[in-house]
């Protein structure tokens, strides 16, 4: 092996090692959080993505992770509602406890609500709600715990 080949090989190894170490320290410092937590008092907490990519047409789902904290299981519920800037319903997810609006068994205390949003207006026959079309932009996400104990919280969500 000639001297110039050895030097260029060492240079490539040194440069690769430097870039690997540099990216390990710099990337996490610049990385933005991908999700946000929202709590309705100490009753329930959700975690939702800060940015959701929508399909070009049809419907998509927004995964909202939840954890029931001190919300009583019996005769309680919580709603996760997405609204546009005109307070129109875009999407909704519901968790039911025992004996709430006809539910016999409570849903799990932790899980994910997949909130349906669509590019066209649609109706949920089960909930009997009309949902407005979704476009790129910023929306309100509301968390509302109801029952013997209740609390609300509100934040924003960006759809792209």
N, C-alpha and C. Protein backbone atom coordinates (compact mmCIF):
# COMPACT_ATOMS: atom_id res chain seq x y z
N UNK A 1 0.85 -1.17 0.00
CA UNK A 1 0.00 0.00 0.00
C UNK A 1 0.90 1.23 0.00
N UNK A 2 0.58 2.17 -0.87
CA UNK A 2 1.39 3.38 -0.94
C UNK A 2 1.03 4.33 0.18
N UNK A 3 1.90 5.30 0.42
CA UNK A 3 1.72 6.25 1.51
C UNK A 3 0.48 7.11 1.30
N UNK A 4 0.18 7.53 0.07
CA UNK A 4 -0.98 8.40 -0.17
C UNK A 4 -2.28 7.62 0.05
N UNK A 5 -2.31 6.34 -0.30
CA UNK A 5 -3.51 5.53 -0.05
C UNK A 5 -3.76 5.38 1.44
N UNK A 6 -2.68 5.14 2.18
CA UNK A 6 -2.81 4.98 3.63
C UNK A 6 -3.31 6.27 4.27
N UNK A 7 -2.78 7.42 3.83
CA UNK A 7 -3.20 8.71 4.37
C UNK A 7 -4.68 8.97 4.05
N UNK A 8 -5.10 8.69 2.82
CA UNK A 8 -6.50 8.95 2.46
C UNK A 8 -7.42 7.99 3.21
N UNK A 9 -6.98 6.76 3.44
CA UNK A 9 -7.78 5.81 4.23
C UNK A 9 -7.92 6.27 5.66
N UNK A 10 -6.82 6.75 6.25
CA UNK A 10 -6.87 7.27 7.62
C UNK A 10 -7.75 8.51 7.70
N UNK A 11 -7.69 9.36 6.67
CA UNK A 11 -8.51 10.58 6.65
C UNK A 11 -10.00 10.21 6.61
N UNK A 12 -10.36 9.24 5.80
CA UNK A 12 -11.76 8.82 5.70
C UNK A 12 -12.24 8.23 7.03
N UNK A 13 -11.43 7.43 7.66
CA UNK A 13 -11.78 6.85 8.96
C UNK A 13 -11.94 7.94 10.01
N UNK A 14 -11.01 8.87 10.05
CA UNK A 14 -11.06 9.96 11.04
C UNK A 14 -12.28 10.85 10.80
N UNK A 15 -12.55 11.16 9.55
CA UNK A 15 -13.71 12.00 9.22
C UNK A 15 -15.00 11.29 9.58
N UNK A 16 -15.11 10.02 9.27
CA UNK A 16 -16.31 9.25 9.61
C UNK A 16 -16.53 9.20 11.12
N UNK A 17 -15.46 8.97 11.86
CA UNK A 17 -15.57 8.92 13.32
C UNK A 17 -16.01 10.27 13.87
N UNK A 18 -15.44 11.36 13.34
CA UNK A 18 -15.81 12.69 13.80
C UNK A 18 -17.30 12.96 13.51
N UNK A 19 -17.76 12.65 12.31
CA UNK A 19 -19.16 12.89 11.95
C UNK A 19 -20.11 12.06 12.81
N UNK A 20 -19.74 10.85 13.11
CA UNK A 20 -20.57 10.00 13.95
C UNK A 20 -20.68 10.58 15.36
N UNK A 21 -19.56 10.98 15.93
CA UNK A 21 -19.56 11.57 17.27
C UNK A 21 -20.30 12.90 17.26
N UNK A 22 -20.06 13.74 16.27
CA UNK A 22 -20.71 15.04 16.17
C UNK A 22 -22.23 14.90 16.06
N UNK A 23 -22.70 13.97 15.24
CA UNK A 23 -24.14 13.80 15.07
C UNK A 23 -24.80 13.27 16.34
N UNK A 24 -24.08 12.50 17.12
CA UNK A 24 -24.62 11.98 18.38
C UNK A 24 -24.90 13.10 19.36
N UNK A 25 -24.02 14.10 19.40
CA UNK A 25 -24.19 15.19 20.36
C UNK A 25 -25.07 16.31 19.84
N UNK A 26 -25.04 16.59 18.56
CA UNK A 26 -25.75 17.74 18.01
C UNK A 26 -27.21 17.40 17.68
N UNK A 27 -27.48 16.27 17.09
CA UNK A 27 -28.84 15.96 16.64
C UNK A 27 -29.87 15.98 17.76
N UNK A 28 -29.63 15.33 18.92
CA UNK A 28 -30.64 15.37 19.97
C UNK A 28 -30.89 16.77 20.50
N UNK A 29 -29.88 17.62 20.54
CA UNK A 29 -30.08 18.98 21.05
C UNK A 29 -30.98 19.78 20.12
N UNK A 30 -30.92 19.51 18.83
CA UNK A 30 -31.73 20.24 17.85
C UNK A 30 -33.06 19.56 17.59
N UNK A 31 -33.23 18.33 18.02
CA UNK A 31 -34.46 17.60 17.72
C UNK A 31 -35.62 18.19 18.51
N UNK A 32 -36.70 18.46 17.81
CA UNK A 32 -37.90 19.00 18.45
C UNK A 32 -38.73 17.84 18.99
N UNK A 33 -39.49 18.08 20.05
CA UNK A 33 -40.34 17.00 20.56
C UNK A 33 -41.39 16.62 19.52
N UNK A 34 -41.70 15.34 19.45
CA UNK A 34 -42.64 14.87 18.44
C UNK A 34 -44.05 14.73 18.99
N UNK A 35 -44.19 14.78 20.31
CA UNK A 35 -45.51 14.68 20.90
C UNK A 35 -45.61 15.62 22.09
N UNK A 36 -46.84 15.83 22.52
CA UNK A 36 -47.09 16.74 23.64
C UNK A 36 -48.08 16.07 24.58
N UNK A 37 -47.88 16.29 25.88
CA UNK A 37 -48.82 15.79 26.89
C UNK A 37 -49.80 16.89 27.24
N UNK A 38 -51.03 16.48 27.52
CA UNK A 38 -52.08 17.39 27.94
C UNK A 38 -52.85 16.70 29.05
N UNK A 39 -53.02 17.37 30.19
CA UNK A 39 -53.70 16.77 31.34
C UNK A 39 -54.94 17.56 31.70
N UNK A 40 -56.01 16.86 32.01
CA UNK A 40 -57.21 17.45 32.58
C UNK A 40 -57.09 17.27 34.08
N UNK A 41 -56.52 18.28 34.73
CA UNK A 41 -56.21 18.22 36.15
C UNK A 41 -55.37 16.97 36.41
N UNK A 42 -55.65 16.23 37.46
CA UNK A 42 -54.93 14.98 37.72
C UNK A 42 -55.79 13.78 37.36
N UNK A 43 -56.84 14.02 36.55
CA UNK A 43 -57.79 12.95 36.24
C UNK A 43 -57.32 12.06 35.08
N UNK A 44 -56.89 12.67 34.00
CA UNK A 44 -56.49 11.91 32.82
C UNK A 44 -55.43 12.71 32.06
N UNK A 45 -54.50 11.99 31.42
CA UNK A 45 -53.45 12.60 30.61
C UNK A 45 -53.45 11.96 29.24
N UNK A 46 -53.29 12.80 28.21
CA UNK A 46 -53.15 12.29 26.85
C UNK A 46 -51.80 12.73 26.31
N UNK A 47 -51.32 12.00 25.32
CA UNK A 47 -50.12 12.34 24.58
C UNK A 47 -50.48 12.26 23.10
N UNK A 48 -50.25 13.35 22.38
CA UNK A 48 -50.64 13.38 20.97
C UNK A 48 -49.49 13.94 20.14
N UNK A 49 -49.44 13.58 18.85
CA UNK A 49 -48.37 14.09 17.99
C UNK A 49 -48.56 15.59 17.73
N UNK A 50 -47.46 16.33 17.73
CA UNK A 50 -47.53 17.77 17.45
C UNK A 50 -47.81 18.06 15.99
N UNK A 51 -47.38 17.16 15.11
CA UNK A 51 -47.57 17.35 13.68
C UNK A 51 -48.06 16.03 13.09
N UNK A 52 -49.17 16.10 12.36
CA UNK A 52 -49.75 14.91 11.74
C UNK A 52 -49.83 15.15 10.25
N UNK A 53 -49.33 14.21 9.46
CA UNK A 53 -49.44 14.29 8.00
C UNK A 53 -50.75 13.66 7.58
N UNK A 54 -51.53 14.41 6.84
CA UNK A 54 -52.84 13.94 6.38
C UNK A 54 -52.71 13.26 5.03
N UNK A 55 -53.58 12.30 4.75
CA UNK A 55 -53.60 11.74 3.40
C UNK A 55 -54.12 12.79 2.42
N UNK A 56 -53.75 12.67 1.15
CA UNK A 56 -54.18 13.65 0.14
C UNK A 56 -55.70 13.64 -0.04
N UNK A 57 -56.32 12.47 0.15
CA UNK A 57 -57.78 12.38 0.10
C UNK A 57 -58.23 11.25 1.03
N UNK A 58 -59.51 11.19 1.27
CA UNK A 58 -60.02 10.15 2.17
C UNK A 58 -59.84 10.54 3.63
N UNK A 59 -59.61 9.54 4.46
CA UNK A 59 -59.54 9.76 5.90
C UNK A 59 -58.20 9.27 6.46
N UNK A 60 -57.86 9.81 7.60
CA UNK A 60 -56.67 9.39 8.32
C UNK A 60 -56.99 9.28 9.79
N UNK A 61 -56.03 8.81 10.57
CA UNK A 61 -56.24 8.66 12.01
C UNK A 61 -55.12 9.36 12.77
N UNK A 62 -55.51 10.01 13.85
CA UNK A 62 -54.56 10.66 14.73
C UNK A 62 -54.48 9.82 16.00
N UNK A 63 -53.33 9.20 16.26
CA UNK A 63 -53.21 8.36 17.47
C UNK A 63 -53.01 9.23 18.72
N UNK A 64 -53.90 9.08 19.67
CA UNK A 64 -53.82 9.82 20.93
C UNK A 64 -53.71 8.80 22.06
N UNK A 65 -52.54 8.75 22.68
CA UNK A 65 -52.33 7.83 23.81
C UNK A 65 -52.95 8.45 25.05
N UNK A 66 -53.52 7.62 25.90
CA UNK A 66 -54.15 8.13 27.11
C UNK A 66 -53.77 7.30 28.32
N UNK A 67 -53.89 7.95 29.49
CA UNK A 67 -53.71 7.27 30.76
C UNK A 67 -54.69 7.87 31.75
N UNK A 68 -55.58 7.02 32.27
CA UNK A 68 -56.52 7.45 33.29
C UNK A 68 -55.77 7.45 34.62
N UNK A 69 -55.75 8.60 35.27
CA UNK A 69 -55.05 8.73 36.55
C UNK A 69 -56.06 8.62 37.69
N UNK A 70 -56.63 9.74 38.12
CA UNK A 70 -57.54 9.72 39.25
C UNK A 70 -59.00 9.88 38.84
N UNK A 71 -59.30 9.74 37.56
CA UNK A 71 -60.69 9.78 37.10
C UNK A 71 -61.38 8.50 37.58
N UNK A 72 -62.48 8.63 38.34
CA UNK A 72 -63.17 7.42 38.79
C UNK A 72 -63.63 6.58 37.59
N UNK A 73 -63.52 5.28 37.71
CA UNK A 73 -63.91 4.39 36.62
C UNK A 73 -65.43 4.34 36.47
N UNK A 74 -66.15 4.38 37.58
CA UNK A 74 -67.60 4.25 37.55
C UNK A 74 -68.26 5.57 37.16
N UNK A 75 -69.12 5.51 36.16
CA UNK A 75 -69.92 6.64 35.68
C UNK A 75 -69.08 7.85 35.27
N UNK A 76 -67.97 7.60 34.61
CA UNK A 76 -67.11 8.67 34.11
C UNK A 76 -66.76 8.42 32.66
N UNK A 77 -66.26 9.46 32.02
CA UNK A 77 -65.80 9.37 30.64
C UNK A 77 -64.83 10.52 30.40
N UNK A 78 -64.09 10.44 29.30
CA UNK A 78 -63.37 11.61 28.84
C UNK A 78 -63.44 11.65 27.32
N UNK A 79 -63.43 12.86 26.81
CA UNK A 79 -63.54 13.12 25.38
C UNK A 79 -62.28 13.83 24.92
N UNK A 80 -61.80 13.45 23.74
CA UNK A 80 -60.73 14.17 23.06
C UNK A 80 -61.37 14.70 21.78
N UNK A 81 -61.43 16.02 21.66
CA UNK A 81 -62.14 16.65 20.55
C UNK A 81 -61.16 17.52 19.77
N UNK A 82 -61.23 17.44 18.45
CA UNK A 82 -60.42 18.29 17.58
C UNK A 82 -61.38 19.23 16.85
N UNK A 83 -61.11 20.53 16.96
CA UNK A 83 -61.97 21.55 16.35
C UNK A 83 -61.13 22.48 15.49
N UNK A 84 -61.79 23.08 14.48
CA UNK A 84 -61.11 24.08 13.67
C UNK A 84 -61.23 25.45 14.34
N UNK A 85 -60.75 26.49 13.66
CA UNK A 85 -60.75 27.83 14.27
C UNK A 85 -62.15 28.45 14.34
N UNK A 86 -63.15 27.76 13.80
CA UNK A 86 -64.54 28.21 13.91
C UNK A 86 -65.32 27.32 14.89
N UNK A 87 -64.60 26.56 15.72
CA UNK A 87 -65.17 25.65 16.72
C UNK A 87 -66.05 24.56 16.11
N UNK A 88 -65.74 24.17 14.87
CA UNK A 88 -66.47 23.08 14.22
C UNK A 88 -65.75 21.77 14.50
N UNK A 89 -66.52 20.72 14.70
CA UNK A 89 -66.00 19.39 15.03
C UNK A 89 -65.28 18.78 13.83
N UNK A 90 -64.02 18.40 14.04
CA UNK A 90 -63.20 17.78 13.00
C UNK A 90 -63.01 16.29 13.29
N UNK A 91 -62.82 15.95 14.56
CA UNK A 91 -62.62 14.56 14.98
C UNK A 91 -62.87 14.43 16.46
N UNK A 92 -63.14 13.19 16.90
CA UNK A 92 -63.43 12.97 18.32
C UNK A 92 -63.13 11.53 18.72
N UNK A 93 -62.60 11.38 19.91
CA UNK A 93 -62.39 10.07 20.51
C UNK A 93 -62.98 10.08 21.91
N UNK A 94 -63.53 8.96 22.34
CA UNK A 94 -64.20 8.90 23.64
C UNK A 94 -63.73 7.66 24.40
N UNK A 95 -63.47 7.85 25.71
CA UNK A 95 -63.20 6.76 26.64
C UNK A 95 -64.38 6.68 27.59
N UNK A 96 -64.91 5.47 27.77
CA UNK A 96 -66.05 5.26 28.66
C UNK A 96 -65.65 4.42 29.86
N UNK A 97 -66.09 4.86 31.03
CA UNK A 97 -65.96 4.07 32.24
C UNK A 97 -67.19 3.18 32.39
N UNK A 98 -67.25 2.46 33.48
CA UNK A 98 -68.38 1.57 33.76
C UNK A 98 -69.65 2.40 33.99
N UNK A 99 -70.76 1.93 33.48
CA UNK A 99 -72.08 2.54 33.68
C UNK A 99 -72.18 3.97 33.16
N UNK A 100 -71.41 4.33 32.13
CA UNK A 100 -71.54 5.65 31.54
C UNK A 100 -72.22 5.52 30.19
N UNK A 101 -73.38 6.14 30.06
CA UNK A 101 -74.19 6.10 28.83
C UNK A 101 -74.33 4.68 28.28
N UNK A 102 -74.68 3.76 29.14
CA UNK A 102 -74.96 2.40 28.71
C UNK A 102 -73.78 1.46 28.64
N UNK A 103 -72.57 1.95 28.92
CA UNK A 103 -71.42 1.04 28.89
C UNK A 103 -71.47 0.14 30.12
N UNK A 104 -71.20 -1.11 29.92
CA UNK A 104 -71.23 -2.08 31.01
C UNK A 104 -69.84 -2.23 31.62
N UNK A 105 -68.84 -2.31 30.77
CA UNK A 105 -67.47 -2.52 31.22
C UNK A 105 -66.62 -1.31 30.84
N UNK A 106 -65.76 -0.88 31.74
CA UNK A 106 -64.88 0.25 31.46
C UNK A 106 -63.83 -0.14 30.43
N UNK A 107 -63.42 0.83 29.63
CA UNK A 107 -62.33 0.63 28.70
C UNK A 107 -61.03 0.55 29.51
N UNK A 108 -59.93 0.05 28.93
CA UNK A 108 -58.67 -0.02 29.67
C UNK A 108 -58.22 1.35 30.17
N UNK A 109 -57.47 1.37 31.27
CA UNK A 109 -57.02 2.63 31.87
C UNK A 109 -55.88 3.28 31.09
N UNK A 110 -55.21 2.53 30.24
CA UNK A 110 -54.21 3.08 29.33
C UNK A 110 -54.46 2.51 27.95
N UNK A 111 -54.17 3.29 26.94
CA UNK A 111 -54.38 2.81 25.58
C UNK A 111 -54.23 3.94 24.57
N UNK A 112 -54.78 3.72 23.40
CA UNK A 112 -54.72 4.71 22.32
C UNK A 112 -56.10 4.88 21.71
N UNK A 113 -56.50 6.13 21.55
CA UNK A 113 -57.71 6.47 20.80
C UNK A 113 -57.25 6.92 19.42
N UNK A 114 -57.71 6.25 18.37
CA UNK A 114 -57.37 6.66 17.01
C UNK A 114 -58.49 7.55 16.50
N UNK A 115 -58.23 8.84 16.44
CA UNK A 115 -59.25 9.81 16.08
C UNK A 115 -59.28 9.97 14.56
N UNK A 116 -60.43 9.68 13.99
CA UNK A 116 -60.63 9.74 12.55
C UNK A 116 -60.84 11.18 12.12
N UNK A 117 -60.11 11.60 11.09
CA UNK A 117 -60.30 12.90 10.44
C UNK A 117 -60.34 12.66 8.93
N UNK A 118 -61.18 13.41 8.22
CA UNK A 118 -61.37 13.17 6.79
C UNK A 118 -61.27 14.46 5.99
N UNK A 119 -60.91 14.31 4.74
CA UNK A 119 -60.81 15.44 3.81
C UNK A 119 -62.19 15.94 3.38
N UNK A 120 -63.22 15.13 3.55
CA UNK A 120 -64.60 15.50 3.22
C UNK A 120 -65.45 15.43 4.47
N UNK A 121 -66.57 16.14 4.46
CA UNK A 121 -67.49 16.10 5.58
C UNK A 121 -68.04 14.68 5.70
N UNK A 122 -68.25 14.22 6.95
CA UNK A 122 -68.77 12.87 7.17
C UNK A 122 -69.58 12.84 8.46
N UNK A 123 -70.39 11.79 8.60
CA UNK A 123 -71.25 11.62 9.77
C UNK A 123 -70.93 10.30 10.44
N UNK A 124 -70.81 10.32 11.77
CA UNK A 124 -70.63 9.11 12.56
C UNK A 124 -72.02 8.66 13.01
N UNK A 125 -72.54 7.58 12.44
CA UNK A 125 -73.90 7.16 12.80
C UNK A 125 -74.03 6.70 14.25
N UNK A 126 -72.93 6.16 14.82
CA UNK A 126 -72.98 5.68 16.20
C UNK A 126 -73.08 6.83 17.19
N UNK A 127 -72.28 7.86 16.99
CA UNK A 127 -72.29 9.03 17.88
C UNK A 127 -73.28 10.10 17.41
N UNK A 128 -73.77 9.95 16.18
CA UNK A 128 -74.70 10.90 15.57
C UNK A 128 -74.11 12.31 15.52
N UNK A 129 -72.84 12.40 15.13
CA UNK A 129 -72.16 13.68 14.98
C UNK A 129 -71.78 13.90 13.53
N UNK A 130 -71.82 15.16 13.10
CA UNK A 130 -71.31 15.55 11.80
C UNK A 130 -69.91 16.10 11.99
N UNK A 131 -68.99 15.70 11.13
CA UNK A 131 -67.60 16.13 11.21
C UNK A 131 -67.25 16.91 9.96
N UNK A 132 -66.61 18.05 10.14
CA UNK A 132 -66.23 18.91 9.03
C UNK A 132 -64.93 18.43 8.41
N UNK A 133 -64.68 18.81 7.14
CA UNK A 133 -63.44 18.39 6.48
C UNK A 133 -62.21 19.02 7.13
N UNK A 134 -61.10 18.32 7.02
CA UNK A 134 -59.84 18.77 7.59
C UNK A 134 -58.92 19.23 6.45
N UNK A 135 -58.18 20.29 6.73
CA UNK A 135 -57.21 20.85 5.79
C UNK A 135 -55.91 21.05 6.54
N UNK A 136 -54.88 21.44 5.82
CA UNK A 136 -53.62 21.77 6.48
C UNK A 136 -53.84 22.99 7.36
N UNK A 137 -53.24 22.96 8.55
CA UNK A 137 -53.36 24.11 9.44
C UNK A 137 -53.28 23.71 10.89
N UNK A 138 -53.58 24.67 11.77
CA UNK A 138 -53.54 24.46 13.20
C UNK A 138 -54.94 24.31 13.74
N UNK A 139 -55.13 23.33 14.61
CA UNK A 139 -56.43 23.00 15.18
C UNK A 139 -56.34 22.97 16.70
N UNK A 140 -57.49 23.10 17.34
CA UNK A 140 -57.57 22.97 18.80
C UNK A 140 -57.80 21.51 19.15
N UNK A 141 -57.13 21.05 20.19
CA UNK A 141 -57.39 19.72 20.73
C UNK A 141 -57.84 19.94 22.17
N UNK A 142 -59.02 19.41 22.48
CA UNK A 142 -59.61 19.60 23.80
C UNK A 142 -59.74 18.26 24.50
N UNK A 143 -59.42 18.25 25.77
CA UNK A 143 -59.55 17.08 26.62
C UNK A 143 -60.56 17.43 27.71
N UNK A 144 -61.62 16.64 27.81
CA UNK A 144 -62.66 16.93 28.78
C UNK A 144 -63.03 15.67 29.54
N UNK A 145 -62.75 15.66 30.85
CA UNK A 145 -63.12 14.55 31.72
C UNK A 145 -64.46 14.90 32.37
N UNK A 146 -65.39 13.94 32.37
CA UNK A 146 -66.73 14.18 32.93
C UNK A 146 -67.13 13.05 33.86
N UNK A 147 -68.02 13.37 34.77
CA UNK A 147 -68.50 12.42 35.76
C UNK A 147 -68.58 13.11 37.11
N UNK A 148 -68.42 12.35 38.21
CA UNK A 148 -68.41 12.95 39.54
C UNK A 148 -67.30 13.99 39.67
N UNK A 149 -66.19 13.75 39.00
CA UNK A 149 -65.08 14.71 38.95
C UNK A 149 -64.93 15.12 37.49
N UNK A 150 -64.68 16.40 37.25
CA UNK A 150 -64.53 16.83 35.87
C UNK A 150 -63.45 17.90 35.76
N UNK A 151 -62.84 17.98 34.58
CA UNK A 151 -61.81 18.99 34.29
C UNK A 151 -61.63 19.04 32.78
N UNK A 152 -61.14 20.18 32.32
CA UNK A 152 -60.91 20.39 30.89
C UNK A 152 -59.50 20.92 30.66
N UNK A 153 -58.99 20.69 29.47
CA UNK A 153 -57.71 21.24 29.05
C UNK A 153 -57.76 21.45 27.54
N UNK A 154 -56.95 22.41 27.05
CA UNK A 154 -56.97 22.73 25.63
C UNK A 154 -55.56 23.04 25.17
N UNK A 155 -55.24 22.63 23.95
CA UNK A 155 -53.93 22.90 23.35
C UNK A 155 -54.11 22.98 21.83
N UNK A 156 -53.00 23.01 21.08
CA UNK A 156 -53.11 23.06 19.63
C UNK A 156 -52.38 21.88 19.00
N UNK A 157 -52.76 21.61 17.76
CA UNK A 157 -52.26 20.48 16.98
C UNK A 157 -52.12 20.96 15.55
N UNK A 158 -51.03 20.60 14.90
CA UNK A 158 -50.82 21.02 13.52
C UNK A 158 -51.00 19.83 12.57
N UNK A 159 -51.79 20.06 11.54
CA UNK A 159 -52.03 19.04 10.51
C UNK A 159 -51.41 19.51 9.20
N UNK A 160 -50.64 18.64 8.57
CA UNK A 160 -49.96 19.00 7.34
C UNK A 160 -50.33 18.05 6.22
